[in-house]
C-alpha atoms as a PDB file:
ATOM      1  CA  MET A   1      -9.387 -16.142  -5.623  1.00  0.00           C
ATOM      2  CA  GLN A   2      -6.417 -13.858  -5.991  1.00  0.00           C
ATOM      3  CA  SER A   3      -7.133 -10.189  -6.646  1.00  0.00           C
ATOM      4  CA  SER A   4      -5.033  -8.704  -9.410  1.00  0.00           C
ATOM      5  CA  ARG A   5      -5.302  -5.128  -8.163  1.00  0.00           C
ATOM      6  CA  ASP A   6      -6.484  -2.982  -5.275  1.00  0.00           C
ATOM      7  CA  ASN A   7     -10.218  -2.625  -5.619  1.00  0.00           C
ATOM      8  CA  PRO A   8     -12.183   0.240  -4.021  1.00  0.00           C
ATOM      9  CA  PHE A   9     -15.414  -1.616  -4.774  1.00  0.00           C
ATOM     10  CA  LEU A  10     -14.517  -4.285  -2.219  1.00  0.00           C
ATOM     11  CA  LEU A  11     -14.989  -2.091   0.856  1.00  0.00           C
ATOM     12  CA  GLY A  12     -17.749   0.001  -0.706  1.00  0.00           C
ATOM     13  CA  ASN A  13     -19.788  -2.971  -1.814  1.00  0.00           C
ATOM     14  CA  LYS A  14     -19.154  -4.649   1.526  1.00  0.00           C
ATOM     15  CA  ILE A  15     -20.778  -1.687   3.310  1.00  0.00           C
ATOM     16  CA  LEU A  16     -23.816  -2.124   1.055  1.00  0.00           C
ATOM     17  CA  CYS A  17     -23.895  -5.843   1.847  1.00  0.00           C
ATOM     18  CA  THR A  18     -23.637  -5.220   5.586  1.00  0.00           C
ATOM     19  CA  THR A  19     -26.589  -2.865   5.432  1.00  0.00           C
ATOM     20  CA  VAL A  20     -28.624  -5.475   3.579  1.00  0.00           C
ATOM     21  CA  GLY A  21     -27.500  -8.098   6.071  1.00  0.00           C
ATOM     22  CA  GLU A  22     -28.925  -6.069   8.933  1.00  0.00           C
ATOM     23  CA  THR A  23     -32.215  -5.076   7.319  1.00  0.00           C
ATOM     24  CA  ALA A  24     -32.860  -8.342   5.453  1.00  0.00           C
ATOM     25  CA  ALA A  25     -32.393 -10.349   8.654  1.00  0.00           C
ATOM     26  CA  ASP A  26     -34.933  -8.103  10.392  1.00  0.00           C
ATOM     27  CA  PHE A  27     -37.302  -8.347   7.424  1.00  0.00           C
ATOM     28  CA  LEU A  28     -37.240 -12.140   7.326  1.00  0.00           C
ATOM     29  CA  ASN A  29     -37.448 -12.495  11.078  1.00  0.00           C
ATOM     30  CA  VAL A  30     -40.015  -9.814  11.897  1.00  0.00           C
ATOM     31  CA  ASN A  31     -41.926  -8.757   8.778  1.00  0.00           C
ATOM     32  CA  LEU A  32     -42.342 -12.263   7.384  1.00  0.00           C
ATOM     33  CA  ALA A  33     -42.705 -13.661  10.919  1.00  0.00           C
ATOM     34  CA  LEU A  34     -40.338 -16.546  10.182  1.00  0.00           C
ATOM     35  CA  GLY A  35     -38.705 -16.272  13.593  1.00  0.00           C
ATOM     36  CA  LEU A  36     -34.994 -16.271  14.345  1.00  0.00           C
ATOM     37  CA  THR A  37     -34.569 -20.041  14.411  1.00  0.00           C
ATOM     38  CA  TYR A  38     -36.299 -20.798  11.107  1.00  0.00           C
ATOM     39  CA  THR A  39     -34.745 -17.776   9.402  1.00  0.00           C
ATOM     40  CA  SER A  40     -31.295 -18.881  10.563  1.00  0.00           C
ATOM     41  CA  LEU A  41     -31.800 -22.420   9.250  1.00  0.00           C
ATOM     42  CA  VAL A  42     -32.989 -21.210   5.850  1.00  0.00           C
ATOM     43  CA  MET A  43     -30.237 -18.633   5.456  1.00  0.00           C
ATOM     44  CA  GLY A  44     -27.628 -21.086   6.736  1.00  0.00           C
ATOM     45  CA  PHE A  45     -28.646 -23.595   4.072  1.00  0.00           C
ATOM     46  CA  LEU A  46     -28.558 -20.972   1.307  1.00  0.00           C
ATOM     47  CA  LEU A  47     -25.150 -19.806   2.510  1.00  0.00           C
ATOM     48  CA  ILE A  48     -23.755 -23.350   2.394  1.00  0.00           C
ATOM     49  CA  VAL A  49     -25.032 -23.760  -1.166  1.00  0.00           C
ATOM     50  CA  ALA A  50     -23.503 -20.432  -2.233  1.00  0.00           C
ATOM     51  CA  LEU A  51     -20.145 -21.273  -0.642  1.00  0.00           C
ATOM     52  CA  VAL A  52     -20.077 -24.715  -2.278  1.00  0.00           C
ATOM     53  CA  VAL A  53     -20.556 -23.038  -5.658  1.00  0.00           C
ATOM     54  CA  GLN A  54     -17.945 -20.417  -4.754  1.00  0.00           C
ATOM     55  CA  PHE A  55     -15.354 -23.024  -3.751  1.00  0.00           C
ATOM     56  CA  ARG A  56     -15.982 -25.031  -6.906  1.00  0.00           C
ATOM     57  CA  SER A  57     -15.445 -22.007  -9.129  1.00  0.00           C
ATOM     58  CA  LYS A  58     -12.050 -22.002 -10.813  1.00  0.00           C
ATOM     59  CA  ARG A  59     -12.158 -18.281 -11.460  1.00  0.00           C
ATOM     60  CA  TYR A  60     -13.564 -15.261  -9.682  1.00  0.00           C
ATOM     61  CA  ASN A  61     -17.205 -14.680 -10.589  1.00  0.00           C
ATOM     62  CA  PRO A  62     -18.632 -11.427  -9.148  1.00  0.00           C
ATOM     63  CA  VAL A  63     -22.211 -12.746  -9.124  1.00  0.00           C
ATOM     64  CA  ILE A  64     -21.312 -15.847  -7.111  1.00  0.00           C
ATOM     65  CA  TYR A  65     -18.861 -14.018  -4.865  1.00  0.00           C
ATOM     66  CA  TRP A  66     -21.151 -11.138  -3.907  1.00  0.00           C
ATOM     67  CA  LEU A  67     -24.132 -13.460  -3.464  1.00  0.00           C
ATOM     68  CA  ALA A  68     -22.050 -15.340  -0.911  1.00  0.00           C
ATOM     69  CA  VAL A  69     -21.100 -12.056   0.790  1.00  0.00           C
ATOM     70  CA  VAL A  70     -24.751 -10.954   1.048  1.00  0.00           C
ATOM     71  CA  LEU A  71     -25.799 -14.333   2.466  1.00  0.00           C
ATOM     72  CA  ILE A  72     -22.925 -14.479   4.946  1.00  0.00           C
ATOM     73  CA  SER A  73     -23.817 -10.932   5.994  1.00  0.00           C
ATOM     74  CA  ILE A  74     -27.373 -11.992   6.796  1.00  0.00           C
ATOM     75  CA  PHE A  75     -26.247 -15.190   8.541  1.00  0.00           C
ATOM     76  CA  GLY A  76     -23.618 -13.327  10.583  1.00  0.00           C
ATOM     77  CA  THR A  77     -26.307 -10.925  11.753  1.00  0.00           C
ATOM     78  CA  LEU A  78     -28.521 -13.852  12.715  1.00  0.00           C
ATOM     79  CA  LEU A  79     -25.725 -15.430  14.762  1.00  0.00           C
ATOM     80  CA  THR A  80     -25.576 -12.367  16.976  1.00  0.00           C
ATOM     81  CA  ASP A  81     -29.359 -11.952  17.087  1.00  0.00           C
ATOM     82  CA  ASN A  82     -29.804 -15.562  18.199  1.00  0.00           C
ATOM     83  CA  LEU A  83     -27.317 -15.145  21.010  1.00  0.00           C
ATOM     84  CA  THR A  84     -28.792 -11.871  22.257  1.00  0.00           C
ATOM     85  CA  ASP A  85     -32.511 -12.397  21.621  1.00  0.00           C
ATOM     86  CA  ASN A  86     -32.954 -16.162  22.010  1.00  0.00           C
ATOM     87  CA  LEU A  87     -30.279 -16.936  24.593  1.00  0.00           C
ATOM     88  CA  GLY A  88     -30.131 -13.608  26.410  1.00  0.00           C
ATOM     89  CA  VAL A  89     -26.379 -13.105  25.989  1.00  0.00           C
ATOM     90  CA  SER A  90     -25.422  -9.461  26.476  1.00  0.00           C
ATOM     91  CA  LEU A  91     -24.072  -7.376  23.604  1.00  0.00           C
ATOM     92  CA  GLU A  92     -20.902  -6.785  25.611  1.00  0.00           C
ATOM     93  CA  ALA A  93     -20.354 -10.538  25.851  1.00  0.00           C
ATOM     94  CA  THR A  94     -21.135 -11.251  22.190  1.00  0.00           C
ATOM     95  CA  THR A  95     -18.890  -8.408  21.047  1.00  0.00           C
ATOM     96  CA  LEU A  96     -16.012  -9.760  23.122  1.00  0.00           C
ATOM     97  CA  ALA A  97     -16.660 -13.378  22.102  1.00  0.00           C
ATOM     98  CA  PHE A  98     -16.723 -12.653  18.379  1.00  0.00           C
ATOM     99  CA  ALA A  99     -13.689 -10.370  18.671  1.00  0.00           C
ATOM    100  CA  VAL A 100     -11.757 -13.217  20.295  1.00  0.00           C
ATOM    101  CA  ALA A 101     -13.050 -15.700  17.690  1.00  0.00           C
ATOM    102  CA  LEU A 102     -11.964 -13.417  14.846  1.00  0.00           C
ATOM    103  CA  ALA A 103      -8.549 -12.887  16.443  1.00  0.00           C
ATOM    104  CA  LEU A 104      -8.105 -16.665  16.719  1.00  0.00           C
ATOM    105  CA  VAL A 105      -9.012 -17.111  13.042  1.00  0.00           C
ATOM    106  CA  PHE A 106      -6.454 -14.498  12.028  1.00  0.00           C
ATOM    107  CA  ALA A 107      -3.836 -16.083  14.312  1.00  0.00           C
ATOM    108  CA  ALA A 108      -4.435 -19.566  12.873  1.00  0.00           C
ATOM    109  CA  TRP A 109      -4.512 -18.212   9.305  1.00  0.00           C
ATOM    110  CA  HIS A 110      -1.197 -16.414   9.748  1.00  0.00           C
ATOM    111  CA  ALA A 111       0.410 -19.330  11.601  1.00  0.00           C
ATOM    112  CA  VAL A 112      -0.459 -21.739   8.798  1.00  0.00           C
ATOM    113  CA  GLU A 113      -0.092 -19.501   5.728  1.00  0.00           C
ATOM    114  CA  ARG A 114       2.302 -16.788   6.985  1.00  0.00           C
ATOM    115  CA  THR A 115       0.151 -14.076   5.395  1.00  0.00           C
ATOM    116  CA  LEU A 116      -3.279 -12.476   5.749  1.00  0.00           C
ATOM    117  CA  SER A 117      -3.195 -10.697   2.404  1.00  0.00           C
ATOM    118  CA  ILE A 118      -6.286 -11.137   0.244  1.00  0.00           C
ATOM    119  CA  HIS A 119      -3.958 -10.914  -2.759  1.00  0.00           C
ATOM    120  CA  SER A 120      -2.509 -14.298  -1.849  1.00  0.00           C
ATOM    121  CA  ILE A 121      -5.744 -16.307  -1.664  1.00  0.00           C
ATOM    122  CA  TYR A 122      -5.071 -18.913  -4.326  1.00  0.00           C
ATOM    123  CA  THR A 123      -5.623 -22.172  -2.400  1.00  0.00           C
ATOM    124  CA  ARG A 124      -8.802 -23.640  -0.968  1.00  0.00           C
ATOM    125  CA  ARG A 125      -7.371 -23.579   2.541  1.00  0.00           C
ATOM    126  CA  ARG A 126      -6.640 -19.864   2.349  1.00  0.00           C
ATOM    127  CA  GLU A 127     -10.084 -19.240   0.941  1.00  0.00           C
ATOM    128  CA  ALA A 128     -11.601 -21.229   3.825  1.00  0.00           C
ATOM    129  CA  PHE A 129      -9.742 -19.001   6.304  1.00  0.00           C
ATOM    130  CA  TYR A 130     -10.961 -15.955   4.370  1.00  0.00           C
ATOM    131  CA  TRP A 131     -14.653 -16.870   4.511  1.00  0.00           C
ATOM    132  CA  LEU A 132     -14.435 -17.858   8.178  1.00  0.00           C
ATOM    133  CA  ALA A 133     -12.899 -14.472   8.942  1.00  0.00           C
ATOM    134  CA  ILE A 134     -15.637 -12.741   6.946  1.00  0.00           C
ATOM    135  CA  LEU A 135     -18.331 -14.586   8.908  1.00  0.00           C
ATOM    136  CA  PHE A 136     -16.927 -13.423  12.230  1.00  0.00           C
ATOM    137  CA  THR A 137     -16.476  -9.829  10.989  1.00  0.00           C
ATOM    138  CA  PHE A 138     -20.205  -9.731  10.260  1.00  0.00           C
ATOM    139  CA  ALA A 139     -21.196 -11.280  13.586  1.00  0.00           C
ATOM    140  CA  LEU A 140     -18.796  -9.009  15.473  1.00  0.00           C
ATOM    141  CA  GLY A 141     -19.949  -5.937  13.574  1.00  0.00           C
ATOM    142  CA  THR A 142     -23.592  -6.593  14.362  1.00  0.00           C
ATOM    143  CA  ALA A 143     -22.837  -6.937  18.063  1.00  0.00           C
ATOM    144  CA  ALA A 144     -20.509  -3.916  18.162  1.00  0.00           C
ATOM    145  CA  GLY A 145     -22.903  -1.731  16.171  1.00  0.00           C
ATOM    146  CA  ASP A 146     -25.848  -2.548  18.432  1.00  0.00           C
ATOM    147  CA  LEU A 147     -23.643  -2.119  21.503  1.00  0.00           C
ATOM    148  CA  VAL A 148     -22.675   1.424  20.548  1.00  0.00           C
ATOM    149  CA  ALA A 149     -26.079   2.486  19.187  1.00  0.00           C
ATOM    150  CA  GLU A 150     -28.404   0.760  21.660  1.00  0.00           C
ATOM    151  CA  SER A 151     -26.614  -0.337  24.834  1.00  0.00           C
ATOM    152  CA  MET A 152     -24.592   2.879  25.020  1.00  0.00           C
ATOM    153  CA  ASP A 153     -27.710   4.781  23.920  1.00  0.00           C
ATOM    154  CA  LEU A 154     -25.813   6.869  21.358  1.00  0.00           C
ATOM    155  CA  GLY A 155     -28.278   6.232  18.551  1.00  0.00           C
ATOM    156  CA  TYR A 156     -27.808   4.780  15.085  1.00  0.00           C
ATOM    157  CA  LEU A 157     -26.696   7.991  13.384  1.00  0.00           C
ATOM    158  CA  VAL A 158     -24.019   8.749  15.974  1.00  0.00           C
ATOM    159  CA  ALA A 159     -22.837   5.137  15.814  1.00  0.00           C
ATOM    160  CA  ALA A 160     -22.567   5.357  12.020  1.00  0.00           C
ATOM    161  CA  LEU A 161     -20.557   8.573  12.315  1.00  0.00           C
ATOM    162  CA  ILE A 162     -18.227   7.003  14.873  1.00  0.00           C
ATOM    163  CA  PHE A 163     -17.499   3.962  12.736  1.00  0.00           C
ATOM    164  CA  GLY A 164     -17.240   6.050   9.577  1.00  0.00           C
ATOM    165  CA  ALA A 165     -14.753   8.370  11.269  1.00  0.00           C
ATOM    166  CA  SER A 166     -12.775   5.339  12.464  1.00  0.00           C
ATOM    167  CA  ILE A 167     -12.460   4.083   8.881  1.00  0.00           C
ATOM    168  CA  ALA A 168     -11.321   7.556   7.803  1.00  0.00           C
ATOM    169  CA  ILE A 169      -8.630   7.502  10.509  1.00  0.00           C
ATOM    170  CA  VAL A 170      -7.394   4.143   9.232  1.00  0.00           C
ATOM    171  CA  ALA A 171      -7.288   5.542   5.695  1.00  0.00           C
ATOM    172  CA  VAL A 172      -5.239   8.518   6.833  1.00  0.00           C
ATOM    173  CA  ALA A 173      -2.911   6.219   8.796  1.00  0.00           C
ATOM    174  CA  TYR A 174      -2.381   4.156   5.660  1.00  0.00           C
ATOM    175  CA  TRP A 175      -1.934   6.960   3.137  1.00  0.00           C
ATOM    176  CA  ARG A 176      -0.138   9.483   5.349  1.00  0.00           C
ATOM    177  CA  PHE A 177       1.707   7.398   7.932  1.00  0.00           C
ATOM    178  CA  LYS A 178       2.323   4.214   5.912  1.00  0.00           C
ATOM    179  CA  LEU A 179       0.321   1.848   8.089  1.00  0.00           C
ATOM    180  CA  ASN A 180       0.827  -1.730   6.915  1.00  0.00           C
ATOM    181  CA  SER A 181      -1.520  -2.291   3.984  1.00  0.00           C
ATOM    182  CA  VAL A 182      -2.802  -5.712   5.135  1.00  0.00           C
ATOM    183  CA  LEU A 183      -3.440  -4.444   8.667  1.00  0.00           C
ATOM    184  CA  ALA A 184      -5.134  -1.296   7.341  1.00  0.00           C
ATOM    185  CA  PHE A 185      -7.351  -3.334   5.030  1.00  0.00           C
ATOM    186  CA  TRP A 186      -8.579  -5.718   7.712  1.00  0.00           C
ATOM    187  CA  ILE A 187      -9.201  -2.975  10.289  1.00  0.00           C
ATOM    188  CA  ALA A 188     -11.237  -1.016   7.731  1.00  0.00           C
ATOM    189  CA  TYR A 189     -12.983  -4.187   6.577  1.00  0.00           C
ATOM    190  CA  ILE A 190     -14.012  -5.074  10.135  1.00  0.00           C
ATOM    191  CA  LEU A 191     -15.286  -1.543  10.748  1.00  0.00           C
ATOM    192  CA  THR A 192     -17.460  -1.584   7.628  1.00  0.00           C
ATOM    193  CA  ARG A 193     -19.775  -4.096   9.319  1.00  0.00           C
ATOM    194  CA  PRO A 194     -20.886  -1.967  12.295  1.00  0.00           C
ATOM    195  CA  LEU A 195     -20.965   1.036   9.944  1.00  0.00           C
ATOM    196  CA  GLY A 196     -23.301  -0.743   7.546  1.00  0.00           C
ATOM    197  CA  ALA A 197     -25.413  -2.133  10.379  1.00  0.00           C
ATOM    198  CA  SER A 198     -25.801   1.312  11.932  1.00  0.00           C
ATOM    199  CA  ILE A 199     -26.735   2.840   8.572  1.00  0.00           C
ATOM    200  CA  GLY A 200     -29.263   0.074   7.960  1.00  0.00           C
ATOM    201  CA  ASP A 201     -30.866   0.507  11.374  1.00  0.00           C
ATOM    202  CA  TYR A 202     -30.889   4.301  11.028  1.00  0.00           C
ATOM    203  CA  LEU A 203     -32.718   4.102   7.716  1.00  0.00           C
ATOM    204  CA  SER A 204     -35.129   1.299   8.609  1.00  0.00           C
ATOM    205  CA  GLN A 205     -35.997   1.756  12.279  1.00  0.00           C
ATOM    206  CA  PRO A 206     -39.058   3.839  13.321  1.00  0.00           C
ATOM    207  CA  VAL A 207     -38.594   7.518  14.062  1.00  0.00           C
ATOM    208  CA  ASP A 208     -39.418   7.038  17.739  1.00  0.00           C
ATOM    209  CA  ALA A 209     -36.588   4.477  17.908  1.00  0.00           C
ATOM    210  CA  GLY A 210     -34.048   6.894  16.440  1.00  0.00           C
ATOM    211  CA  GLY A 211     -34.376   5.937  12.773  1.00  0.00           C
ATOM    212  CA  LEU A 212     -35.813   7.503   9.638  1.00  0.00           C
ATOM    213  CA  GLY A 213     -38.697   5.042   9.462  1.00  0.00           C
ATOM    214  CA  LEU A 214     -38.123   3.791   5.898  1.00  0.00           C
ATOM    215  CA  GLY A 215     -38.708   0.214   6.990  1.00  0.00           C
ATOM    216  CA  THR A 216     -36.780  -2.950   6.200  1.00  0.00           C
ATOM    217  CA  ILE A 217     -38.477  -3.558   2.843  1.00  0.00           C
ATOM    218  CA  ILE A 218     -37.566  -0.206   1.284  1.00  0.00           C
ATOM    219  CA  THR A 219     -34.091  -0.144   2.821  1.00  0.00           C
ATOM    220  CA  SER A 220     -33.259  -3.722   1.810  1.00  0.00           C
ATOM    221  CA  GLY A 221     -34.650  -3.205  -1.685  1.00  0.00           C
ATOM    222  CA  LEU A 222     -32.730   0.026  -2.178  1.00  0.00           C
ATOM    223  CA  PHE A 223     -29.412  -1.490  -1.210  1.00  0.00           C
ATOM    224  CA  LEU A 224     -30.009  -4.769  -3.048  1.00  0.00           C
ATOM    225  CA  VAL A 225     -30.651  -2.845  -6.276  1.00  0.00           C
ATOM    226  CA  THR A 226     -27.459  -0.845  -5.694  1.00  0.00           C
ATOM    227  CA  ILE A 227     -25.462  -4.017  -5.050  1.00  0.00           C
ATOM    228  CA  LEU A 228     -26.923  -5.609  -8.174  1.00  0.00           C
ATOM    229  CA  ALA A 229     -25.945  -2.562 -10.239  1.00  0.00           C
ATOM    230  CA  CYS A 230     -22.392  -2.715  -8.865  1.00  0.00           C
ATOM    231  CA  VAL A 231     -22.121  -6.446  -9.560  1.00  0.00           C
ATOM    232  CA  VAL A 232     -23.359  -5.980 -13.135  1.00  0.00           C
ATOM    233  CA  TYR A 233     -20.815  -3.190 -13.593  1.00  0.00           C
ATOM    234  CA  LEU A 234     -18.017  -5.366 -12.213  1.00  0.00           C
ATOM    235  CA  ASP A 235     -19.056  -8.299 -14.372  1.00  0.00           C
ATOM    236  CA  LEU A 236     -19.098  -6.183 -17.533  1.00  0.00           C
ATOM    237  CA  THR A 237     -15.972  -4.110 -16.954  1.00  0.00           C
ATOM    238  CA  LYS A 238     -13.816  -6.727 -15.153  1.00  0.00           C
ATOM    239  CA  VAL A 239     -12.219  -3.907 -13.133  1.00  0.00           C
ATOM    240  CA  ASP A 240     -11.977  -6.221 -10.136  1.00  0.00           C
ATOM    241  CA  GLU A 241     -10.799  -9.228 -12.140  1.00  0.00           C
ATOM    242  CA  MET A 242      -9.540 -12.000  -9.894  1.00  0.00           C
ATOM    243  CA  VAL A 243      -7.713 -15.102 -10.985  1.00  0.00           C
ATOM    244  CA  CYS A 244      -8.752 -18.273  -9.217  1.00  0.00           C
ATOM    245  CA  ASP A 245      -6.524 -21.301  -9.722  1.00  0.00           C
ATOM    246  CA  LEU A 246      -7.432 -23.655  -6.906  1.00  0.00           C
ATOM    247  CA  GLY A 247      -6.764 -26.908  -8.685  1.00  0.00           C
END
């Protein structure tokens, strides 16, 4: 799954997916009254199916790839929600735990492959490291976003501004001060999750809870349509063409 060029759609579309991950998880759990446990089992199964198809693909397919990203976004959100809501683990603890887990994945990935660049993902093992890292970025982002917005009582809009500003700082560090491109990418990629989660909560949560009150249905639908439009564009134009030769 080797990218042939830098692709601005990757981070942008990931923010859209993170927003859907937050609101869709709430929609399935609350609005459809499926409950966290049943929702997690269903989404976990769908994610496994999507990843099996993804791993079997010999070439990059934007439909399959972004479907997997949306599903892993939802499942990552559910991981954090299960820990905090079902097991009573604090957001501080889940944020720290997932940060450590993600750091361990990166450490193992680099120790085995000697690189963390997404432009070098052309073996199944590297792709496995990639998707495991993505899962923990979503779980970590959910916990960190809720920690800043709710536990610190800063609100969803302020949290979104904080994470958005952090991504802008990383961009400046990369373009102006030559921050390592791989490091800059992964820092920005990790930050897109709490940014997307905060945006999703701000749009969907009731006004008295600090949101705009659009609800999870409208918010999820809006972002899903946008993601679909982006995927169709990518599929037609091939601007993010990736070569996948996994043997």
